[in-house]
Amino acid sequence: MLQEYRADLHVHTVLSPCGSLDMSPARIISEAKQKHIDIMAITDHNSTRQCRVVMEMGRKAGIAVWGGAELNTREEVHCLAYFDEFEPLDELQKWLDRWLVKIKNNPDYFGDQVWVDEEENILGEEPWLLIAALDRSLDQCYEEVHRLGGVFVPAHIDRPGNSLSSQLGFVPPDIAADALEISPNVTLEMIEKYGWAKIKPLITGSDAHHPERLGMNMTRLRMQDAGIEEFKKALGGVDGREVVPEILKL
């Protein structure tokens, strides 16, 4: 039987240098419960190191938490990667460590890059700037995420920076991706004008860097369960499954 899930598919934590230090796993899970979020994706910049704690806390709280990252490709295009198992996340982290361009982080300028446990004790600090680019192309990032069994989605495609539109000038009709993320600024008129919905399924997320932003932009998913394999089927519209960004009010 198909069920409807409210999903926030773009959430940052304390680990992202641009994220608030209030975005601890405990605070994120608390906010998600208050806002009746069923599925949440943790997508810190170029790192998965905070995912495991949030995923484990989510399971205890009855919230499905997907792990992943917001990859910054060689073209400076931000792309979301989603997984729901620890093993591929660990493999992705090794790949990210290999290909992240090594620029020393300056916490006073860019922000702290720490990851924490359930009690908000610091477990580690990332020395390399996570908002730097990977020395991997858009296609190579897609290939690695798919090799590991994940879902790959170019982020906020309509924004004037770090998007397909800003970096390439357009959204290629043959883009290697499973879906496209749109920001809350998008209208139906824009979608019709640029034909994005004809290229790939559309999703959205809050891109929350602060607790109050969590759940601001949601995607409704009709699926049998809250796993990644069901999400893949929903993106394909298999047997009545569907993906609908709430902001479109379709």
C-alpha atoms as a PDB file:
ATOM      1  CA  MET A   1       0.000   0.000   0.000  1.00  0.00           C
ATOM      2  CA  LEU A   2       1.289   3.426  -0.917  1.00  0.00           C
ATOM      3  CA  GLN A   3       1.784   5.993   1.832  1.00  0.00           C
ATOM      4  CA  GLU A   4       2.393   9.729   1.700  1.00  0.00           C
ATOM      5  CA  TYR A   5       5.570  11.105   3.234  1.00  0.00           C
ATOM      6  CA  ARG A   6       6.579  14.721   3.858  1.00  0.00           C
ATOM      7  CA  ALA A   7      10.273  15.016   3.071  1.00  0.00           C
ATOM      8  CA  ASP A   8      12.892  17.721   3.509  1.00  0.00           C
ATOM      9  CA  LEU A   9      15.586  16.605   1.074  1.00  0.00           C
ATOM     10  CA  HIS A  10      18.298  19.230   1.678  1.00  0.00           C
ATOM     11  CA  VAL A  11      19.492  19.779   5.254  1.00  0.00           C
ATOM     12  CA  HIS A  12      22.871  20.980   6.570  1.00  0.00           C
ATOM     13  CA  THR A  13      24.348  20.405  10.031  1.00  0.00           C
ATOM     14  CA  VAL A  14      27.025  21.929  12.260  1.00  0.00           C
ATOM     15  CA  LEU A  15      29.590  20.316   9.929  1.00  0.00           C
ATOM     16  CA  SER A  16      28.908  22.654   7.005  1.00  0.00           C
ATOM     17  CA  PRO A  17      31.003  25.828   7.451  1.00  0.00           C
ATOM     18  CA  CYS A  18      28.008  27.931   6.451  1.00  0.00           C
ATOM     19  CA  GLY A  19      25.730  26.041   8.845  1.00  0.00           C
ATOM     20  CA  SER A  20      24.715  27.267  12.271  1.00  0.00           C
ATOM     21  CA  LEU A  21      26.282  25.587  15.303  1.00  0.00           C
ATOM     22  CA  ASP A  22      22.673  25.193  16.475  1.00  0.00           C
ATOM     23  CA  MET A  23      22.225  22.525  13.762  1.00  0.00           C
ATOM     24  CA  SER A  24      23.277  19.652  15.997  1.00  0.00           C
ATOM     25  CA  PRO A  25      21.773  16.186  15.477  1.00  0.00           C
ATOM     26  CA  ALA A  26      19.643  16.552  18.606  1.00  0.00           C
ATOM     27  CA  ARG A  27      18.249  19.931  17.523  1.00  0.00           C
ATOM     28  CA  ILE A  28      17.597  18.734  13.972  1.00  0.00           C
ATOM     29  CA  ILE A  29      15.672  15.666  15.140  1.00  0.00           C
ATOM     30  CA  SER A  30      13.698  17.732  17.669  1.00  0.00           C
ATOM     31  CA  GLU A  31      12.728  20.271  14.988  1.00  0.00           C
ATOM     32  CA  ALA A  32      11.800  17.509  12.530  1.00  0.00           C
ATOM     33  CA  LYS A  33       9.452  15.889  15.049  1.00  0.00           C
ATOM     34  CA  GLN A  34       7.773  19.207  15.862  1.00  0.00           C
ATOM     35  CA  LYS A  35       7.271  19.923  12.147  1.00  0.00           C
ATOM     36  CA  HIS A  36       5.995  16.419  11.325  1.00  0.00           C
ATOM     37  CA  ILE A  37       8.749  15.642   8.847  1.00  0.00           C
ATOM     38  CA  ASP A  38       8.714  11.964   7.860  1.00  0.00           C
ATOM     39  CA  ILE A  39      11.900  11.831   5.773  1.00  0.00           C
ATOM     40  CA  MET A  40      14.960  14.040   5.988  1.00  0.00           C
ATOM     41  CA  ALA A  41      18.203  14.067   3.988  1.00  0.00           C
ATOM     42  CA  ILE A  42      21.456  15.228   5.584  1.00  0.00           C
ATOM     43  CA  THR A  43      23.522  16.911   2.866  1.00  0.00           C
ATOM     44  CA  ASP A  44      26.542  18.707   4.253  1.00  0.00           C
ATOM     45  CA  HIS A  45      29.033  20.194   1.821  1.00  0.00           C
ATOM     46  CA  ASN A  46      31.425  17.525   0.509  1.00  0.00           C
ATOM     47  CA  SER A  47      31.231  15.400   3.664  1.00  0.00           C
ATOM     48  CA  THR A  48      29.156  12.574   5.139  1.00  0.00           C
ATOM     49  CA  ARG A  49      30.777  12.581   8.580  1.00  0.00           C
ATOM     50  CA  GLN A  50      27.711  13.859  10.497  1.00  0.00           C
ATOM     51  CA  CYS A  51      25.263  11.537   8.746  1.00  0.00           C
ATOM     52  CA  ARG A  52      25.596   8.407  10.886  1.00  0.00           C
ATOM     53  CA  VAL A  53      24.675  10.090  14.185  1.00  0.00           C
ATOM     54  CA  VAL A  54      21.617  11.835  12.706  1.00  0.00           C
ATOM     55  CA  MET A  55      20.499   8.640  10.952  1.00  0.00           C
ATOM     56  CA  GLU A  56      20.755   6.623  14.168  1.00  0.00           C
ATOM     57  CA  MET A  57      18.903   9.279  16.169  1.00  0.00           C
ATOM     58  CA  GLY A  58      16.254   9.478  13.462  1.00  0.00           C
ATOM     59  CA  ARG A  59      15.578   5.755  13.691  1.00  0.00           C
ATOM     60  CA  LYS A  60      15.042   6.036  17.433  1.00  0.00           C
ATOM     61  CA  ALA A  61      12.666   8.965  16.902  1.00  0.00           C
ATOM     62  CA  GLY A  62      10.678   7.346  14.088  1.00  0.00           C
ATOM     63  CA  ILE A  63      12.042   9.647  11.362  1.00  0.00           C
ATOM     64  CA  ALA A  64      13.650   8.218   8.231  1.00  0.00           C
ATOM     65  CA  VAL A  65      16.966  10.011   7.754  1.00  0.00           C
ATOM     66  CA  TRP A  66      18.912   9.578   4.533  1.00  0.00           C
ATOM     67  CA  GLY A  67      22.605  10.344   4.530  1.00  0.00           C
ATOM     68  CA  GLY A  68      24.547  11.954   1.741  1.00  0.00           C
ATOM     69  CA  ALA A  69      26.312  15.143   0.783  1.00  0.00           C
ATOM     70  CA  GLU A  70      26.053  18.279  -1.294  1.00  0.00           C
ATOM     71  CA  LEU A  71      28.862  17.719  -3.784  1.00  0.00           C
ATOM     72  CA  ASN A  72      30.588  20.679  -5.408  1.00  0.00           C
ATOM     73  CA  THR A  73      31.744  19.510  -8.824  1.00  0.00           C
ATOM     74  CA  ARG A  74      34.730  20.753 -10.801  1.00  0.00           C
ATOM     75  CA  GLU A  75      32.296  23.023 -12.676  1.00  0.00           C
ATOM     76  CA  GLU A  76      31.247  24.511  -9.279  1.00  0.00           C
ATOM     77  CA  VAL A  77      27.780  22.955  -9.623  1.00  0.00           C
ATOM     78  CA  HIS A  78      26.228  21.795  -6.346  1.00  0.00           C
ATOM     79  CA  CYS A  79      24.638  18.340  -6.493  1.00  0.00           C
ATOM     80  CA  LEU A  80      22.867  16.261  -3.852  1.00  0.00           C
ATOM     81  CA  ALA A  81      23.699  12.610  -3.221  1.00  0.00           C
ATOM     82  CA  TYR A  82      21.360  10.360  -1.195  1.00  0.00           C
ATOM     83  CA  PHE A  83      21.861   6.973   0.525  1.00  0.00           C
ATOM     84  CA  ASP A  84      20.111   5.145   3.346  1.00  0.00           C
ATOM     85  CA  GLU A  85      22.871   2.678   4.353  1.00  0.00           C
ATOM     86  CA  PHE A  86      26.149   3.300   6.166  1.00  0.00           C
ATOM     87  CA  GLU A  87      28.463   1.255   3.923  1.00  0.00           C
ATOM     88  CA  PRO A  88      28.040   3.327   0.734  1.00  0.00           C
ATOM     89  CA  LEU A  89      28.286   6.511   2.824  1.00  0.00           C
ATOM     90  CA  ASP A  90      31.635   5.339   4.159  1.00  0.00           C
ATOM     91  CA  GLU A  91      32.799   4.596   0.612  1.00  0.00           C
ATOM     92  CA  LEU A  92      31.620   8.006  -0.581  1.00  0.00           C
ATOM     93  CA  GLN A  93      33.555   9.660   2.238  1.00  0.00           C
ATOM     94  CA  LYS A  94      36.776   7.968   1.130  1.00  0.00           C
ATOM     95  CA  TRP A  95      36.128   9.238  -2.399  1.00  0.00           C
ATOM     96  CA  LEU A  96      35.427  12.766  -1.120  1.00  0.00           C
ATOM     97  CA  ASP A  97      38.618  12.755   0.938  1.00  0.00           C
ATOM     98  CA  ARG A  98      40.558  11.792  -2.180  1.00  0.00           C
ATOM     99  CA  TRP A  99      39.113  14.391  -4.541  1.00  0.00           C
ATOM    100  CA  LEU A 100      38.385  17.464  -2.382  1.00  0.00           C
ATOM    101  CA  VAL A 101      40.736  20.277  -3.417  1.00  0.00           C
ATOM    102  CA  LYS A 102      42.884  20.852  -0.342  1.00  0.00           C
ATOM    103  CA  ILE A 103      42.370  24.439   0.861  1.00  0.00           C
ATOM    104  CA  LYS A 104      42.935  25.027   4.573  1.00  0.00           C
ATOM    105  CA  ASN A 105      39.776  26.175   6.337  1.00  0.00           C
ATOM    106  CA  ASN A 106      39.790  29.490   8.184  1.00  0.00           C
ATOM    107  CA  PRO A 107      37.049  29.094  10.837  1.00  0.00           C
ATOM    108  CA  ASP A 108      37.036  32.820  11.604  1.00  0.00           C
ATOM    109  CA  TYR A 109      36.196  33.584   7.971  1.00  0.00           C
ATOM    110  CA  PHE A 110      34.294  30.551   6.628  1.00  0.00           C
ATOM    111  CA  GLY A 111      32.928  29.011   9.838  1.00  0.00           C
ATOM    112  CA  ASP A 112      33.583  25.943  11.972  1.00  0.00           C
ATOM    113  CA  GLN A 113      33.608  22.458  10.439  1.00  0.00           C
ATOM    114  CA  VAL A 114      32.975  20.067  13.336  1.00  0.00           C
ATOM    115  CA  TRP A 115      30.874  16.962  13.731  1.00  0.00           C
ATOM    116  CA  VAL A 116      29.304  15.957  17.054  1.00  0.00           C
ATOM    117  CA  ASP A 117      27.657  13.072  18.901  1.00  0.00           C
ATOM    118  CA  GLU A 118      24.140  12.797  20.336  1.00  0.00           C
ATOM    119  CA  GLU A 119      25.133  14.906  23.374  1.00  0.00           C
ATOM    120  CA  GLU A 120      26.754  17.570  21.151  1.00  0.00           C
ATOM    121  CA  ASN A 121      30.295  16.586  22.135  1.00  0.00           C
ATOM    122  CA  ILE A 122      32.740  17.313  19.314  1.00  0.00           C
ATOM    123  CA  LEU A 123      33.945  14.139  17.617  1.00  0.00           C
ATOM    124  CA  GLY A 124      36.253  15.779  15.080  1.00  0.00           C
ATOM    125  CA  GLU A 125      37.037  18.824  12.995  1.00  0.00           C
ATOM    126  CA  GLU A 126      37.553  18.927   9.221  1.00  0.00           C
ATOM    127  CA  PRO A 127      40.747  20.893   8.410  1.00  0.00           C
ATOM    128  CA  TRP A 128      40.077  21.289   4.674  1.00  0.00           C
ATOM    129  CA  LEU A 129      37.526  23.799   3.402  1.00  0.00           C
ATOM    130  CA  LEU A 130      34.388  21.803   2.601  1.00  0.00           C
ATOM    131  CA  ILE A 131      32.850  24.392   0.280  1.00  0.00           C
ATOM    132  CA  ALA A 132      35.795  24.026  -2.103  1.00  0.00           C
ATOM    133  CA  ALA A 133      35.310  22.094  -5.338  1.00  0.00           C
ATOM    134  CA  LEU A 134      36.018  18.439  -5.945  1.00  0.00           C
ATOM    135  CA  ASP A 135      38.495  17.615  -8.675  1.00  0.00           C
ATOM    136  CA  ARG A 136      35.741  15.612 -10.350  1.00  0.00           C
ATOM    137  CA  SER A 137      33.348  16.629 -13.121  1.00  0.00           C
ATOM    138  CA  LEU A 138      29.576  16.599 -12.958  1.00  0.00           C
ATOM    139  CA  ASP A 139      29.478  13.337 -14.906  1.00  0.00           C
ATOM    140  CA  GLN A 140      32.165  11.745 -12.735  1.00  0.00           C
ATOM    141  CA  CYS A 141      30.231  12.652  -9.571  1.00  0.00           C
ATOM    142  CA  TYR A 142      27.079  11.127 -11.060  1.00  0.00           C
ATOM    143  CA  GLU A 143      28.966   7.948 -11.949  1.00  0.00           C
ATOM    144  CA  GLU A 144      30.416   7.540  -8.450  1.00  0.00           C
ATOM    145  CA  VAL A 145      27.096   8.100  -6.691  1.00  0.00           C
ATOM    146  CA  HIS A 146      25.435   5.580  -8.997  1.00  0.00           C
ATOM    147  CA  ARG A 147      28.278   3.083  -8.580  1.00  0.00           C
ATOM    148  CA  LEU A 148      27.527   3.152  -4.862  1.00  0.00           C
ATOM    149  CA  GLY A 149      23.775   2.747  -5.419  1.00  0.00           C
ATOM    150  CA  GLY A 150      22.701   6.265  -4.535  1.00  0.00           C
ATOM    151  CA  VAL A 151      20.493   8.974  -6.046  1.00  0.00           C
ATOM    152  CA  PHE A 152      22.073  12.004  -7.729  1.00  0.00           C
ATOM    153  CA  VAL A 153      20.299  15.378  -7.999  1.00  0.00           C
ATOM    154  CA  PRO A 154      21.732  18.723  -9.212  1.00  0.00           C
ATOM    155  CA  ALA A 155      20.800  21.260  -6.537  1.00  0.00           C
ATOM    156  CA  HIS A 156      18.808  24.521  -6.769  1.00  0.00           C
ATOM    157  CA  ILE A 157      19.039  24.583 -10.570  1.00  0.00           C
ATOM    158  CA  ASP A 158      17.433  28.039 -10.823  1.00  0.00           C
ATOM    159  CA  ARG A 159      19.800  29.934  -8.533  1.00  0.00           C
ATOM    160  CA  PRO A 160      22.307  32.531  -9.805  1.00  0.00           C
ATOM    161  CA  GLY A 161      25.263  30.687  -8.265  1.00  0.00           C
ATOM    162  CA  ASN A 162      26.571  27.113  -7.979  1.00  0.00           C
ATOM    163  CA  SER A 163      23.796  25.733 -10.179  1.00  0.00           C
ATOM    164  CA  LEU A 164      23.436  24.211 -13.616  1.00  0.00           C
ATOM    165  CA  SER A 165      21.881  27.450 -14.836  1.00  0.00           C
ATOM    166  CA  SER A 166      24.623  29.696 -13.469  1.00  0.00           C
ATOM    167  CA  GLN A 167      27.614  27.531 -14.350  1.00  0.00           C
ATOM    168  CA  LEU A 168      26.525  25.980 -17.647  1.00  0.00           C
ATOM    169  CA  GLY A 169      24.017  28.610 -18.733  1.00  0.00           C
ATOM    170  CA  PHE A 170      21.174  26.091 -19.052  1.00  0.00           C
ATOM    171  CA  VAL A 171      19.939  22.693 -17.896  1.00  0.00           C
ATOM    172  CA  PRO A 172      21.097  20.146 -20.491  1.00  0.00           C
ATOM    173  CA  PRO A 173      18.212  17.963 -21.689  1.00  0.00           C
ATOM    174  CA  ASP A 174      20.488  14.917 -21.465  1.00  0.00           C
ATOM    175  CA  ILE A 175      21.842  15.766 -17.993  1.00  0.00           C
ATOM    176  CA  ALA A 176      23.155  12.746 -16.062  1.00  0.00           C
ATOM    177  CA  ALA A 177      20.866  12.964 -13.033  1.00  0.00           C
ATOM    178  CA  ASP A 178      17.931  11.217 -11.365  1.00  0.00           C
ATOM    179  CA  ALA A 179      15.998  14.423 -10.601  1.00  0.00           C
ATOM    180  CA  LEU A 180      16.439  18.200 -10.413  1.00  0.00           C
ATOM    181  CA  GLU A 181      16.086  20.308  -7.273  1.00  0.00           C
ATOM    182  CA  ILE A 182      14.289  23.641  -7.565  1.00  0.00           C
ATOM    183  CA  SER A 183      14.357  26.479  -5.040  1.00  0.00           C
ATOM    184  CA  PRO A 184      11.239  28.102  -3.506  1.00  0.00           C
ATOM    185  CA  ASN A 185      11.685  30.978  -5.965  1.00  0.00           C
ATOM    186  CA  VAL A 186      10.495  28.797  -8.841  1.00  0.00           C
ATOM    187  CA  THR A 187       7.018  29.297 -10.298  1.00  0.00           C
ATOM    188  CA  LEU A 188       4.919  27.131 -12.595  1.00  0.00           C
ATOM    189  CA  GLU A 189       5.512  29.692 -15.323  1.00  0.00           C
ATOM    190  CA  MET A 190       9.273  29.227 -14.994  1.00  0.00           C
ATOM    191  CA  ILE A 191       8.961  25.457 -15.151  1.00  0.00           C
ATOM    192  CA  GLU A 192       6.843  25.671 -18.276  1.00  0.00           C
ATOM    193  CA  LYS A 193       9.159  28.237 -19.876  1.00  0.00           C
ATOM    194  CA  TYR A 194      12.341  26.255 -19.334  1.00  0.00           C
ATOM    195  CA  GLY A 195      10.812  22.784 -19.617  1.00  0.00           C
ATOM    196  CA  TRP A 196      12.567  21.447 -16.519  1.00  0.00           C
ATOM    197  CA  ALA A 197       9.768  19.013 -15.668  1.00  0.00           C
ATOM    198  CA  LYS A 198      10.162  17.439 -19.108  1.00  0.00           C
ATOM    199  CA  ILE A 199      13.850  16.784 -18.450  1.00  0.00           C
ATOM    200  CA  LYS A 200      13.700  15.119 -15.008  1.00  0.00           C
ATOM    201  CA  PRO A 201      11.390  14.795 -11.991  1.00  0.00           C
ATOM    202  CA  LEU A 202      11.505  17.842  -9.705  1.00  0.00           C
ATOM    203  CA  ILE A 203      12.123  17.906  -5.960  1.00  0.00           C
ATOM    204  CA  THR A 204      12.753  20.638  -3.411  1.00  0.00           C
ATOM    205  CA  GLY A 205      14.175  21.008   0.078  1.00  0.00           C
ATOM    206  CA  SER A 206      14.742  23.648   2.716  1.00  0.00           C
ATOM    207  CA  ASP A 207      18.535  23.899   2.272  1.00  0.00           C
ATOM    208  CA  ALA A 208      18.345  24.603   6.004  1.00  0.00           C
ATOM    209  CA  HIS A 209      21.464  26.016   7.641  1.00  0.00           C
ATOM    210  CA  HIS A 210      19.532  27.173  10.737  1.00  0.00           C
ATOM    211  CA  PRO A 211      16.908  25.265  12.789  1.00  0.00           C
ATOM    212  CA  GLU A 212      14.035  27.611  11.988  1.00  0.00           C
ATOM    213  CA  ARG A 213      14.503  26.927   8.242  1.00  0.00           C
ATOM    214  CA  LEU A 214      14.064  23.183   8.585  1.00  0.00           C
ATOM    215  CA  GLY A 215      10.934  22.013   6.777  1.00  0.00           C
ATOM    216  CA  MET A 216      10.351  25.335   5.013  1.00  0.00           C
ATOM    217  CA  ASN A 217      10.299  23.678   1.564  1.00  0.00           C
ATOM    218  CA  MET A 218       9.058  20.129   1.343  1.00  0.00           C
ATOM    219  CA  THR A 219       8.538  17.375  -1.197  1.00  0.00           C
ATOM    220  CA  ARG A 220       5.604  14.986  -0.932  1.00  0.00           C
ATOM    221  CA  LEU A 221       6.450  11.384  -1.749  1.00  0.00           C
ATOM    222  CA  ARG A 222       3.965   8.575  -2.409  1.00  0.00           C
ATOM    223  CA  MET A 223       5.808   5.318  -1.763  1.00  0.00           C
ATOM    224  CA  GLN A 224       5.463   1.945  -0.069  1.00  0.00           C
ATOM    225  CA  ASP A 225       8.180   2.722   2.471  1.00  0.00           C
ATOM    226  CA  ALA A 226      10.692   5.451   3.290  1.00  0.00           C
ATOM    227  CA  GLY A 227      13.743   3.841   1.696  1.00  0.00           C
ATOM    228  CA  ILE A 228      15.982   4.940  -1.155  1.00  0.00           C
ATOM    229  CA  GLU A 229      14.908   2.088  -3.439  1.00  0.00           C
ATOM    230  CA  GLU A 230      11.294   3.227  -3.115  1.00  0.00           C
ATOM    231  CA  PHE A 231      12.421   6.793  -3.801  1.00  0.00           C
ATOM    232  CA  LYS A 232      14.012   5.618  -7.046  1.00  0.00           C
ATOM    233  CA  LYS A 233      10.709   4.011  -8.040  1.00  0.00           C
ATOM    234  CA  ALA A 234       8.819   7.176  -7.109  1.00  0.00           C
ATOM    235  CA  LEU A 235      11.115   9.234  -9.331  1.00  0.00           C
ATOM    236  CA  GLY A 236      10.212   6.851 -12.127  1.00  0.00           C
ATOM    237  CA  GLY A 237       6.476   7.009 -11.366  1.00  0.00           C
ATOM    238  CA  VAL A 238       6.310   3.235 -10.899  1.00  0.00           C
ATOM    239  CA  ASP A 239       2.851   1.819 -10.029  1.00  0.00           C
ATOM    240  CA  GLY A 240       1.348   5.062  -8.765  1.00  0.00           C
ATOM    241  CA  ARG A 241       4.362   6.268  -6.827  1.00  0.00           C
ATOM    242  CA  GLU A 242       5.052   9.959  -7.257  1.00  0.00           C
ATOM    243  CA  VAL A 243       7.214  12.903  -6.251  1.00  0.00           C
ATOM    244  CA  VAL A 244       5.634  16.365  -5.913  1.00  0.00           C
ATOM    245  CA  PRO A 245       7.312  19.523  -4.541  1.00  0.00           C
ATOM    246  CA  GLU A 246       4.847  21.200  -2.167  1.00  0.00           C
ATOM    247  CA  ILE A 247       5.751  24.667  -3.446  1.00  0.00           C
ATOM    248  CA  LEU A 248       4.196  23.858  -6.813  1.00  0.00           C
ATOM    249  CA  LYS A 249       0.815  23.001  -5.263  1.00  0.00           C
ATOM    250  CA  LEU A 250       0.097  20.636  -8.146  1.00  0.00           C
END
